């Protein structure tokens, strides 16, 4: 289940059930829904599978410990990503590692294509071209592309998470889409760009 396929109402209901009723099933559902994405985001910073898993576990432990107040969080998805980033950076700090890492140091993994290839009637060859184009993006571009296309974060949310301006996010996405379109053609470019969530 991808994050952008989940209605925000479901997340709000999980928050309410966890906060008001100590609902462990809702907590488990929340954990399973976000775990893979947060784990990959933590790994992009820590470059250690074990530490990434520990960082995400720490985030969710704190969520449960403070469950009575999570109902007041207005954007839980952004909160979880931000908490994961901060926890990962704290791990680096404890290891006496420079924790103000640059975007070039993020290790970004992309999992899937940004739209359903069957719906777009994309050939296998074109699909491979798209994947190659995405994977060849510069680190900052790739990270922003992943957060918007795979994780379903809006431009403003990505800007807050990465401490960048919305204009920078827009520019980086324009670069990404231009590079992809240069390899695979304008028709596919319009299909990809239409899935953006600027606001």
C-alpha atoms as a PDB file:
ATOM      1  CA  UNK A   1       0.000   0.000   0.000  1.00  0.00           C
ATOM      2  CA  UNK A   2       1.483   3.317  -1.086  1.00  0.00           C
ATOM      3  CA  UNK A   3       1.040   6.403   1.043  1.00  0.00           C
ATOM      4  CA  UNK A   4      -0.664   8.468  -1.638  1.00  0.00           C
ATOM      5  CA  UNK A   5      -3.231   5.692  -2.181  1.00  0.00           C
ATOM      6  CA  UNK A   6      -4.420   6.065   1.396  1.00  0.00           C
ATOM      7  CA  UNK A   7      -7.100   8.631   2.086  1.00  0.00           C
ATOM      8  CA  UNK A   8      -6.064  11.128   4.765  1.00  0.00           C
ATOM      9  CA  UNK A   9      -9.333  10.338   6.540  1.00  0.00           C
ATOM     10  CA  UNK A  10      -7.980   6.866   7.361  1.00  0.00           C
ATOM     11  CA  UNK A  11      -4.903   8.379   8.995  1.00  0.00           C
ATOM     12  CA  UNK A  12      -7.040  10.801  11.005  1.00  0.00           C
ATOM     13  CA  UNK A  13      -9.225   7.920  12.184  1.00  0.00           C
ATOM     14  CA  UNK A  14      -6.133   5.988  13.285  1.00  0.00           C
ATOM     15  CA  UNK A  15      -4.976   9.059  15.208  1.00  0.00           C
ATOM     16  CA  UNK A  16      -8.322   9.359  16.943  1.00  0.00           C
ATOM     17  CA  UNK A  17      -8.508   5.680  17.813  1.00  0.00           C
ATOM     18  CA  UNK A  18      -4.951   5.639  19.172  1.00  0.00           C
ATOM     19  CA  UNK A  19      -5.315   8.908  21.062  1.00  0.00           C
ATOM     20  CA  UNK A  20      -8.795   8.456  22.506  1.00  0.00           C
ATOM     21  CA  UNK A  21      -9.117   4.693  22.895  1.00  0.00           C
ATOM     22  CA  UNK A  22      -5.526   3.380  23.184  1.00  0.00           C
ATOM     23  CA  UNK A  23      -6.392   1.247  20.164  1.00  0.00           C
ATOM     24  CA  UNK A  24      -3.445  -1.090  19.558  1.00  0.00           C
ATOM     25  CA  UNK A  25      -4.866  -2.345  16.259  1.00  0.00           C
ATOM     26  CA  UNK A  26      -4.986   1.226  14.910  1.00  0.00           C
ATOM     27  CA  UNK A  27      -1.421   1.718  16.131  1.00  0.00           C
ATOM     28  CA  UNK A  28      -0.353  -1.470  14.342  1.00  0.00           C
ATOM     29  CA  UNK A  29      -2.126  -0.358  11.157  1.00  0.00           C
ATOM     30  CA  UNK A  30      -0.378   3.009  11.322  1.00  0.00           C
ATOM     31  CA  UNK A  31       2.987   1.318  11.843  1.00  0.00           C
ATOM     32  CA  UNK A  32       2.543  -1.090   8.932  1.00  0.00           C
ATOM     33  CA  UNK A  33       1.297   1.654   6.639  1.00  0.00           C
ATOM     34  CA  UNK A  34       4.283   3.960   7.148  1.00  0.00           C
ATOM     35  CA  UNK A  35       7.088   1.622   8.155  1.00  0.00           C
ATOM     36  CA  UNK A  36       8.675   0.828   4.779  1.00  0.00           C
ATOM     37  CA  UNK A  37       8.692   4.434   3.600  1.00  0.00           C
ATOM     38  CA  UNK A  38      10.076   5.779   6.870  1.00  0.00           C
ATOM     39  CA  UNK A  39      12.649   2.996   7.009  1.00  0.00           C
ATOM     40  CA  UNK A  40      13.909   3.872   3.526  1.00  0.00           C
ATOM     41  CA  UNK A  41      14.003   7.553   4.408  1.00  0.00           C
ATOM     42  CA  UNK A  42      16.016   6.811   7.559  1.00  0.00           C
ATOM     43  CA  UNK A  43      18.344   4.590   5.522  1.00  0.00           C
ATOM     44  CA  UNK A  44      18.940   7.411   3.036  1.00  0.00           C
ATOM     45  CA  UNK A  45      20.480   9.349   5.929  1.00  0.00           C
ATOM     46  CA  UNK A  46      22.093   6.608   8.026  1.00  0.00           C
ATOM     47  CA  UNK A  47      23.159   4.167   5.273  1.00  0.00           C
ATOM     48  CA  UNK A  48      22.684   1.326   7.746  1.00  0.00           C
ATOM     49  CA  UNK A  49      19.731  -1.066   7.623  1.00  0.00           C
ATOM     50  CA  UNK A  50      19.966  -1.819  11.313  1.00  0.00           C
ATOM     51  CA  UNK A  51      20.177   1.805  12.421  1.00  0.00           C
ATOM     52  CA  UNK A  52      17.349   2.783  10.071  1.00  0.00           C
ATOM     53  CA  UNK A  53      15.101   0.122  11.601  1.00  0.00           C
ATOM     54  CA  UNK A  54      16.052   1.269  15.097  1.00  0.00           C
ATOM     55  CA  UNK A  55      15.371   4.910  14.243  1.00  0.00           C
ATOM     56  CA  UNK A  56      11.905   4.172  12.895  1.00  0.00           C
ATOM     57  CA  UNK A  57      11.142   1.938  15.884  1.00  0.00           C
ATOM     58  CA  UNK A  58      12.143   4.804  18.172  1.00  0.00           C
ATOM     59  CA  UNK A  59       9.754   7.122  16.354  1.00  0.00           C
ATOM     60  CA  UNK A  60       6.846   4.742  16.784  1.00  0.00           C
ATOM     61  CA  UNK A  61       7.679   4.023  20.404  1.00  0.00           C
ATOM     62  CA  UNK A  62       7.436   7.748  21.078  1.00  0.00           C
ATOM     63  CA  UNK A  63       4.156   7.889  19.166  1.00  0.00           C
ATOM     64  CA  UNK A  64       2.717   5.247  21.495  1.00  0.00           C
ATOM     65  CA  UNK A  65       4.187   6.851  24.597  1.00  0.00           C
ATOM     66  CA  UNK A  66       2.621  10.190  23.642  1.00  0.00           C
ATOM     67  CA  UNK A  67      -0.536   8.677  22.161  1.00  0.00           C
ATOM     68  CA  UNK A  68      -2.841  10.865  24.250  1.00  0.00           C
ATOM     69  CA  UNK A  69      -1.617  13.940  22.366  1.00  0.00           C
ATOM     70  CA  UNK A  70      -1.183  12.697  18.789  1.00  0.00           C
ATOM     71  CA  UNK A  71      -4.755  13.626  17.988  1.00  0.00           C
ATOM     72  CA  UNK A  72      -3.574  17.239  18.001  1.00  0.00           C
ATOM     73  CA  UNK A  73      -1.012  16.678  15.230  1.00  0.00           C
ATOM     74  CA  UNK A  74      -2.469  18.318  12.131  1.00  0.00           C
ATOM     75  CA  UNK A  75      -0.301  16.503   9.576  1.00  0.00           C
ATOM     76  CA  UNK A  76       0.738  13.115  10.908  1.00  0.00           C
ATOM     77  CA  UNK A  77       2.491  12.005   7.715  1.00  0.00           C
ATOM     78  CA  UNK A  78       4.783  15.022   7.711  1.00  0.00           C
ATOM     79  CA  UNK A  79       5.262  14.659  11.474  1.00  0.00           C
ATOM     80  CA  UNK A  80       6.438  11.053  11.065  1.00  0.00           C
ATOM     81  CA  UNK A  81       8.870  11.897   8.274  1.00  0.00           C
ATOM     82  CA  UNK A  82      10.227  14.868  10.227  1.00  0.00           C
ATOM     83  CA  UNK A  83      10.581  12.781  13.402  1.00  0.00           C
ATOM     84  CA  UNK A  84      12.385  10.087  11.428  1.00  0.00           C
ATOM     85  CA  UNK A  85      14.786  12.657   9.962  1.00  0.00           C
ATOM     86  CA  UNK A  86      15.512  14.163  13.367  1.00  0.00           C
ATOM     87  CA  UNK A  87      15.988  10.761  14.995  1.00  0.00           C
ATOM     88  CA  UNK A  88      18.366   9.658  12.227  1.00  0.00           C
ATOM     89  CA  UNK A  89      20.397  12.857  12.534  1.00  0.00           C
ATOM     90  CA  UNK A  90      20.584  12.369  16.304  1.00  0.00           C
ATOM     91  CA  UNK A  91      21.958   8.879  15.697  1.00  0.00           C
ATOM     92  CA  UNK A  92      24.708  10.383  13.559  1.00  0.00           C
ATOM     93  CA  UNK A  93      25.424  12.975  16.223  1.00  0.00           C
ATOM     94  CA  UNK A  94      25.816  10.280  18.875  1.00  0.00           C
ATOM     95  CA  UNK A  95      28.312   8.527  16.602  1.00  0.00           C
ATOM     96  CA  UNK A  96      30.274  11.768  16.279  1.00  0.00           C
ATOM     97  CA  UNK A  97      29.384  11.898  12.603  1.00  0.00           C
ATOM     98  CA  UNK A  98      28.774  15.210  10.887  1.00  0.00           C
ATOM     99  CA  UNK A  99      24.984  15.366  11.019  1.00  0.00           C
ATOM    100  CA  UNK A 100      24.389  18.341   8.730  1.00  0.00           C
ATOM    101  CA  UNK A 101      24.614  16.086   5.706  1.00  0.00           C
ATOM    102  CA  UNK A 102      24.243  17.429   2.201  1.00  0.00           C
ATOM    103  CA  UNK A 103      21.778  16.115  -0.340  1.00  0.00           C
ATOM    104  CA  UNK A 104      24.658  14.479  -2.201  1.00  0.00           C
ATOM    105  CA  UNK A 105      25.086  12.187   0.802  1.00  0.00           C
ATOM    106  CA  UNK A 106      21.517  10.901   0.841  1.00  0.00           C
ATOM    107  CA  UNK A 107      21.245   7.326  -0.400  1.00  0.00           C
ATOM    108  CA  UNK A 108      17.892   7.352  -2.168  1.00  0.00           C
ATOM    109  CA  UNK A 109      16.098   4.192  -3.264  1.00  0.00           C
ATOM    110  CA  UNK A 110      13.180   4.362  -5.665  1.00  0.00           C
ATOM    111  CA  UNK A 111      10.758   1.459  -5.555  1.00  0.00           C
ATOM    112  CA  UNK A 112       8.206   1.851  -8.254  1.00  0.00           C
ATOM    113  CA  UNK A 113       7.169   3.706 -11.335  1.00  0.00           C
ATOM    114  CA  UNK A 114       5.113   6.808 -10.707  1.00  0.00           C
ATOM    115  CA  UNK A 115       2.013   5.589 -12.480  1.00  0.00           C
ATOM    116  CA  UNK A 116       0.428   2.303 -13.518  1.00  0.00           C
ATOM    117  CA  UNK A 117       2.140   1.209 -16.743  1.00  0.00           C
ATOM    118  CA  UNK A 118      -0.880  -0.899 -17.748  1.00  0.00           C
ATOM    119  CA  UNK A 119      -3.135   2.145 -17.607  1.00  0.00           C
ATOM    120  CA  UNK A 120      -0.728   4.157 -19.756  1.00  0.00           C
ATOM    121  CA  UNK A 121      -0.073   1.284 -22.192  1.00  0.00           C
ATOM    122  CA  UNK A 122       3.659   1.646 -21.681  1.00  0.00           C
ATOM    123  CA  UNK A 123       5.926  -0.909 -23.315  1.00  0.00           C
ATOM    124  CA  UNK A 124       8.542  -2.767 -21.324  1.00  0.00           C
ATOM    125  CA  UNK A 125      11.286  -0.908 -23.185  1.00  0.00           C
ATOM    126  CA  UNK A 126       9.778   2.477 -22.345  1.00  0.00           C
ATOM    127  CA  UNK A 127       9.304   1.444 -18.732  1.00  0.00           C
ATOM    128  CA  UNK A 128      13.011   0.611 -18.479  1.00  0.00           C
ATOM    129  CA  UNK A 129      13.873   3.990 -20.005  1.00  0.00           C
ATOM    130  CA  UNK A 130      11.740   5.724 -17.392  1.00  0.00           C
ATOM    131  CA  UNK A 131      13.380   3.793 -14.573  1.00  0.00           C
ATOM    132  CA  UNK A 132      16.873   4.516 -15.883  1.00  0.00           C
ATOM    133  CA  UNK A 133      16.049   8.202 -16.247  1.00  0.00           C
ATOM    134  CA  UNK A 134      14.725   8.421 -12.688  1.00  0.00           C
ATOM    135  CA  UNK A 135      17.649   6.533 -11.183  1.00  0.00           C
ATOM    136  CA  UNK A 136      20.135   8.780 -13.007  1.00  0.00           C
ATOM    137  CA  UNK A 137      18.749  11.957 -11.422  1.00  0.00           C
ATOM    138  CA  UNK A 138      21.090  13.971  -9.161  1.00  0.00           C
ATOM    139  CA  UNK A 139      20.714  13.121  -5.437  1.00  0.00           C
ATOM    140  CA  UNK A 140      18.641  16.168  -4.477  1.00  0.00           C
ATOM    141  CA  UNK A 141      16.387  15.735  -7.506  1.00  0.00           C
ATOM    142  CA  UNK A 142      15.952  12.046  -6.818  1.00  0.00           C
ATOM    143  CA  UNK A 143      15.098  12.570  -3.147  1.00  0.00           C
ATOM    144  CA  UNK A 144      12.520  15.240  -3.929  1.00  0.00           C
ATOM    145  CA  UNK A 145      11.110  13.145  -6.767  1.00  0.00           C
ATOM    146  CA  UNK A 146      10.755  10.139  -4.419  1.00  0.00           C
ATOM    147  CA  UNK A 147       9.086  12.110  -1.656  1.00  0.00           C
ATOM    148  CA  UNK A 148       6.537  13.637  -4.022  1.00  0.00           C
ATOM    149  CA  UNK A 149       5.919  10.744  -6.413  1.00  0.00           C
ATOM    150  CA  UNK A 150       6.331   7.664  -4.220  1.00  0.00           C
ATOM    151  CA  UNK A 151       5.433   8.975  -0.789  1.00  0.00           C
ATOM    152  CA  UNK A 152       2.713  11.364  -1.900  1.00  0.00           C
ATOM    153  CA  UNK A 153       4.021  14.406  -0.031  1.00  0.00           C
ATOM    154  CA  UNK A 154       2.967  17.796  -1.339  1.00  0.00           C
ATOM    155  CA  UNK A 155       5.561  20.326  -2.443  1.00  0.00           C
ATOM    156  CA  UNK A 156       5.022  22.436   0.676  1.00  0.00           C
ATOM    157  CA  UNK A 157       5.456  19.355   2.902  1.00  0.00           C
ATOM    158  CA  UNK A 158       8.685  18.361   1.166  1.00  0.00           C
ATOM    159  CA  UNK A 159       9.953  21.935   1.527  1.00  0.00           C
ATOM    160  CA  UNK A 160       9.300  21.829   5.284  1.00  0.00           C
ATOM    161  CA  UNK A 161      10.823  18.368   5.663  1.00  0.00           C
ATOM    162  CA  UNK A 162      14.020  19.239   3.793  1.00  0.00           C
ATOM    163  CA  UNK A 163      14.229  22.843   4.987  1.00  0.00           C
ATOM    164  CA  UNK A 164      14.022  24.179   1.453  1.00  0.00           C
ATOM    165  CA  UNK A 165      11.771  26.720  -0.235  1.00  0.00           C
ATOM    166  CA  UNK A 166       8.717  25.605  -2.182  1.00  0.00           C
ATOM    167  CA  UNK A 167      10.283  27.307  -5.210  1.00  0.00           C
ATOM    168  CA  UNK A 168      13.338  25.043  -4.871  1.00  0.00           C
ATOM    169  CA  UNK A 169      11.083  21.986  -4.795  1.00  0.00           C
ATOM    170  CA  UNK A 170       9.258  23.211  -7.890  1.00  0.00           C
ATOM    171  CA  UNK A 171      12.555  23.852  -9.688  1.00  0.00           C
ATOM    172  CA  UNK A 172      13.980  20.444  -8.766  1.00  0.00           C
ATOM    173  CA  UNK A 173      10.820  18.701  -9.952  1.00  0.00           C
ATOM    174  CA  UNK A 174      10.960  20.660 -13.198  1.00  0.00           C
ATOM    175  CA  UNK A 175      14.563  19.496 -13.673  1.00  0.00           C
ATOM    176  CA  UNK A 176      13.575  15.887 -12.938  1.00  0.00           C
ATOM    177  CA  UNK A 177      10.639  15.917 -15.327  1.00  0.00           C
ATOM    178  CA  UNK A 178      12.665  17.623 -18.049  1.00  0.00           C
ATOM    179  CA  UNK A 179      15.424  15.005 -17.811  1.00  0.00           C
ATOM    180  CA  UNK A 180      12.924  12.175 -17.902  1.00  0.00           C
ATOM    181  CA  UNK A 181      11.022  13.652 -20.828  1.00  0.00           C
ATOM    182  CA  UNK A 182      14.272  14.081 -22.765  1.00  0.00           C
ATOM    183  CA  UNK A 183      14.766  10.326 -22.680  1.00  0.00           C
ATOM    184  CA  UNK A 184      11.238   9.036 -23.116  1.00  0.00           C
ATOM    185  CA  UNK A 185       9.259  11.638 -25.036  1.00  0.00           C
ATOM    186  CA  UNK A 186       6.671  14.306 -24.370  1.00  0.00           C
ATOM    187  CA  UNK A 187       3.625  12.006 -24.134  1.00  0.00           C
ATOM    188  CA  UNK A 188       4.982  10.106 -21.160  1.00  0.00           C
ATOM    189  CA  UNK A 189       6.259  13.357 -19.681  1.00  0.00           C
ATOM    190  CA  UNK A 190       2.697  14.702 -19.514  1.00  0.00           C
ATOM    191  CA  UNK A 191       1.514  11.474 -17.878  1.00  0.00           C
ATOM    192  CA  UNK A 192       4.178  11.764 -15.189  1.00  0.00           C
ATOM    193  CA  UNK A 193       3.804  15.501 -14.589  1.00  0.00           C
ATOM    194  CA  UNK A 194       0.034  15.191 -14.178  1.00  0.00           C
ATOM    195  CA  UNK A 195       0.556  13.070 -11.046  1.00  0.00           C
ATOM    196  CA  UNK A 196       2.306  15.911  -9.212  1.00  0.00           C
ATOM    197  CA  UNK A 197       0.851  17.334  -5.998  1.00  0.00           C
ATOM    198  CA  UNK A 198       2.095  20.918  -5.830  1.00  0.00           C
ATOM    199  CA  UNK A 199      -0.136  22.035  -2.963  1.00  0.00           C
END
